[in-house]
């Protein structure tokens, strides 16, 4: 579910990265793929440990990604990936990462706020039904 949502906004975000940060089309496209991977991996990690509160605050619009430990973790890892995997200078990566992660989180949050995406949809797609049911009680009624 989350991967499909990010894939649907890929063209828009790729264009933004090209325009705002002068990334080449191929680099911008790969940057969005790396952003998706970082967001999904952090969601899986947080969901698996039962620590979704910070990310859900971001999705609900209660916190900016940079104001949550989960958001900061995603941004930090993403900066590393941009520099090591795509060769983007660190000074540029430190501008691209917060922009791209904020963009993605706002879009996901917008879908959740409009009722098109529930927390159960988000986590269920990452974890699968069995694990989601097992974790449901430990995640404070998010489902």
Protein backbone atom coordinates (compact mmCIF):
# COMPACT_ATOMS: atom_id res chain seq x y z
CA UNK A 1 0.00 0.00 0.00
CA UNK A 2 2.66 2.51 1.05
CA UNK A 3 4.91 1.52 -1.84
CA UNK A 4 2.07 2.02 -4.32
CA UNK A 5 1.32 5.43 -2.84
CA UNK A 6 4.95 6.52 -3.20
CA UNK A 7 5.12 5.09 -6.72
CA UNK A 8 2.06 7.18 -7.64
CA UNK A 9 3.78 10.40 -6.61
CA UNK A 10 7.16 9.43 -8.07
CA UNK A 11 6.81 11.55 -11.21
CA UNK A 12 5.89 14.65 -9.26
CA UNK A 13 8.70 14.22 -6.73
CA UNK A 14 11.24 13.42 -9.45
CA UNK A 15 10.31 16.66 -11.19
CA UNK A 16 10.62 18.62 -7.96
CA UNK A 17 14.09 17.18 -7.31
CA UNK A 18 15.19 18.11 -10.83
CA UNK A 19 13.85 21.65 -10.55
CA UNK A 20 14.84 22.52 -7.00
CA UNK A 21 18.17 20.72 -6.75
CA UNK A 22 19.28 20.46 -10.39
CA UNK A 23 19.45 16.67 -10.27
CA UNK A 24 19.68 14.88 -13.58
CA UNK A 25 16.49 12.95 -14.50
CA UNK A 26 18.05 9.52 -13.88
CA UNK A 27 19.56 10.62 -10.56
CA UNK A 28 16.29 12.22 -9.44
CA UNK A 29 14.39 9.05 -10.36
CA UNK A 30 16.82 6.85 -8.43
CA UNK A 31 16.66 9.31 -5.51
CA UNK A 32 12.92 8.77 -5.23
CA UNK A 33 13.41 5.00 -5.26
CA UNK A 34 15.93 5.33 -2.43
CA UNK A 35 13.54 7.58 -0.49
CA UNK A 36 10.79 4.97 -0.86
CA UNK A 37 13.13 2.22 0.33
CA UNK A 38 14.18 4.27 3.35
CA UNK A 39 10.60 5.13 4.34
CA UNK A 40 9.38 1.54 3.93
CA UNK A 41 12.35 0.08 5.81
CA UNK A 42 11.88 2.48 8.73
CA UNK A 43 8.16 1.73 8.85
CA UNK A 44 8.86 -2.00 8.93
CA UNK A 45 11.47 -1.57 11.65
CA UNK A 46 9.23 0.63 13.79
CA UNK A 47 6.17 -1.54 13.28
CA UNK A 48 8.10 -4.70 14.10
CA UNK A 49 9.30 -3.20 17.36
CA UNK A 50 5.90 -1.72 18.23
CA UNK A 51 7.29 1.83 18.09
CA UNK A 52 4.92 3.52 15.64
CA UNK A 53 3.86 6.49 17.76
CA UNK A 54 6.38 8.95 16.32
CA UNK A 55 5.70 8.02 12.72
CA UNK A 56 1.96 8.13 13.22
CA UNK A 57 2.34 11.66 14.65
CA UNK A 58 4.12 12.61 11.43
CA UNK A 59 1.43 11.00 9.25
CA UNK A 60 -1.29 12.74 11.21
CA UNK A 61 0.45 16.07 10.71
CA UNK A 62 1.14 16.52 14.43
CA UNK A 63 4.91 16.63 13.87
CA UNK A 64 7.26 17.43 11.04
CA UNK A 65 9.47 14.48 10.03
CA UNK A 66 12.55 16.30 11.31
CA UNK A 67 10.84 16.68 14.71
CA UNK A 68 10.46 12.93 15.23
CA UNK A 69 13.14 10.36 15.92
CA UNK A 70 11.72 8.15 13.18
CA UNK A 71 11.73 10.99 10.65
CA UNK A 72 15.26 11.95 11.59
CA UNK A 73 16.36 8.35 11.24
CA UNK A 74 14.89 8.13 7.74
CA UNK A 75 16.48 11.43 6.68
CA UNK A 76 19.90 10.49 8.11
CA UNK A 77 19.95 7.09 6.40
CA UNK A 78 18.68 8.62 3.17
CA UNK A 79 21.50 11.21 3.14
CA UNK A 80 23.97 8.34 3.45
CA UNK A 81 22.33 6.46 0.58
CA UNK A 82 22.25 9.51 -1.66
CA UNK A 83 25.97 10.08 -1.21
CA UNK A 84 27.17 6.46 -1.22
CA UNK A 85 24.85 4.96 -3.83
CA UNK A 86 24.26 7.88 -6.18
CA UNK A 87 27.37 9.99 -5.63
CA UNK A 88 25.39 13.10 -4.73
CA UNK A 89 27.58 15.56 -2.80
CA UNK A 90 26.77 15.53 0.92
CA UNK A 91 25.91 19.23 0.90
CA UNK A 92 23.23 18.59 -1.75
CA UNK A 93 22.07 15.33 -0.14
CA UNK A 94 21.46 17.18 3.14
CA UNK A 95 19.04 19.45 1.26
CA UNK A 96 17.42 16.76 -0.90
CA UNK A 97 16.76 14.28 1.93
CA UNK A 98 14.57 16.44 4.19
CA UNK A 99 12.70 17.81 1.18
CA UNK A 100 11.94 14.37 -0.29
CA UNK A 101 11.02 12.75 3.03
CA UNK A 102 8.77 15.68 4.00
CA UNK A 103 7.13 15.49 0.57
CA UNK A 104 6.42 11.76 0.94
CA UNK A 105 5.23 12.03 4.54
CA UNK A 106 2.88 14.89 3.69
CA UNK A 107 1.37 12.93 0.82
CA UNK A 108 0.89 9.84 2.98
CA UNK A 109 -0.56 12.01 5.74
CA UNK A 110 -2.92 13.63 3.25
CA UNK A 111 -4.20 10.25 2.16
CA UNK A 112 -4.70 9.21 5.77
CA UNK A 113 -6.46 12.48 6.66
CA UNK A 114 -8.82 12.18 3.68
CA UNK A 115 -9.80 8.68 4.75
CA UNK A 116 -8.15 6.99 1.76
CA UNK A 117 -5.52 5.30 3.93
CA UNK A 118 -6.00 3.93 7.42
CA UNK A 119 -3.29 3.03 9.88
CA UNK A 120 -4.37 -0.59 9.49
CA UNK A 121 -3.93 -0.34 5.70
CA UNK A 122 -0.52 1.18 6.14
CA UNK A 123 0.79 -1.33 8.64
CA UNK A 124 -1.10 -4.32 7.31
CA UNK A 125 0.55 -3.91 3.93
CA UNK A 126 3.96 -3.85 5.55
CA UNK A 127 3.49 -6.61 8.07
CA UNK A 128 0.90 -8.96 6.68
CA UNK A 129 -2.25 -9.99 8.52
CA UNK A 130 -0.81 -12.51 10.98
CA UNK A 131 1.89 -10.28 12.39
CA UNK A 132 -0.44 -7.29 12.35
CA UNK A 133 -2.93 -9.20 14.51
CA UNK A 134 -0.21 -10.24 16.94
CA UNK A 135 1.10 -6.69 17.24
CA UNK A 136 -2.30 -5.02 17.36
CA UNK A 137 -2.56 -5.10 21.13
CA UNK A 138 1.02 -3.92 21.59
CA UNK A 139 0.56 -0.92 19.32
CA UNK A 140 -1.95 0.82 21.53
CA UNK A 141 -5.06 0.31 19.45
CA UNK A 142 -3.71 1.74 16.20
CA UNK A 143 -5.80 -0.86 14.42
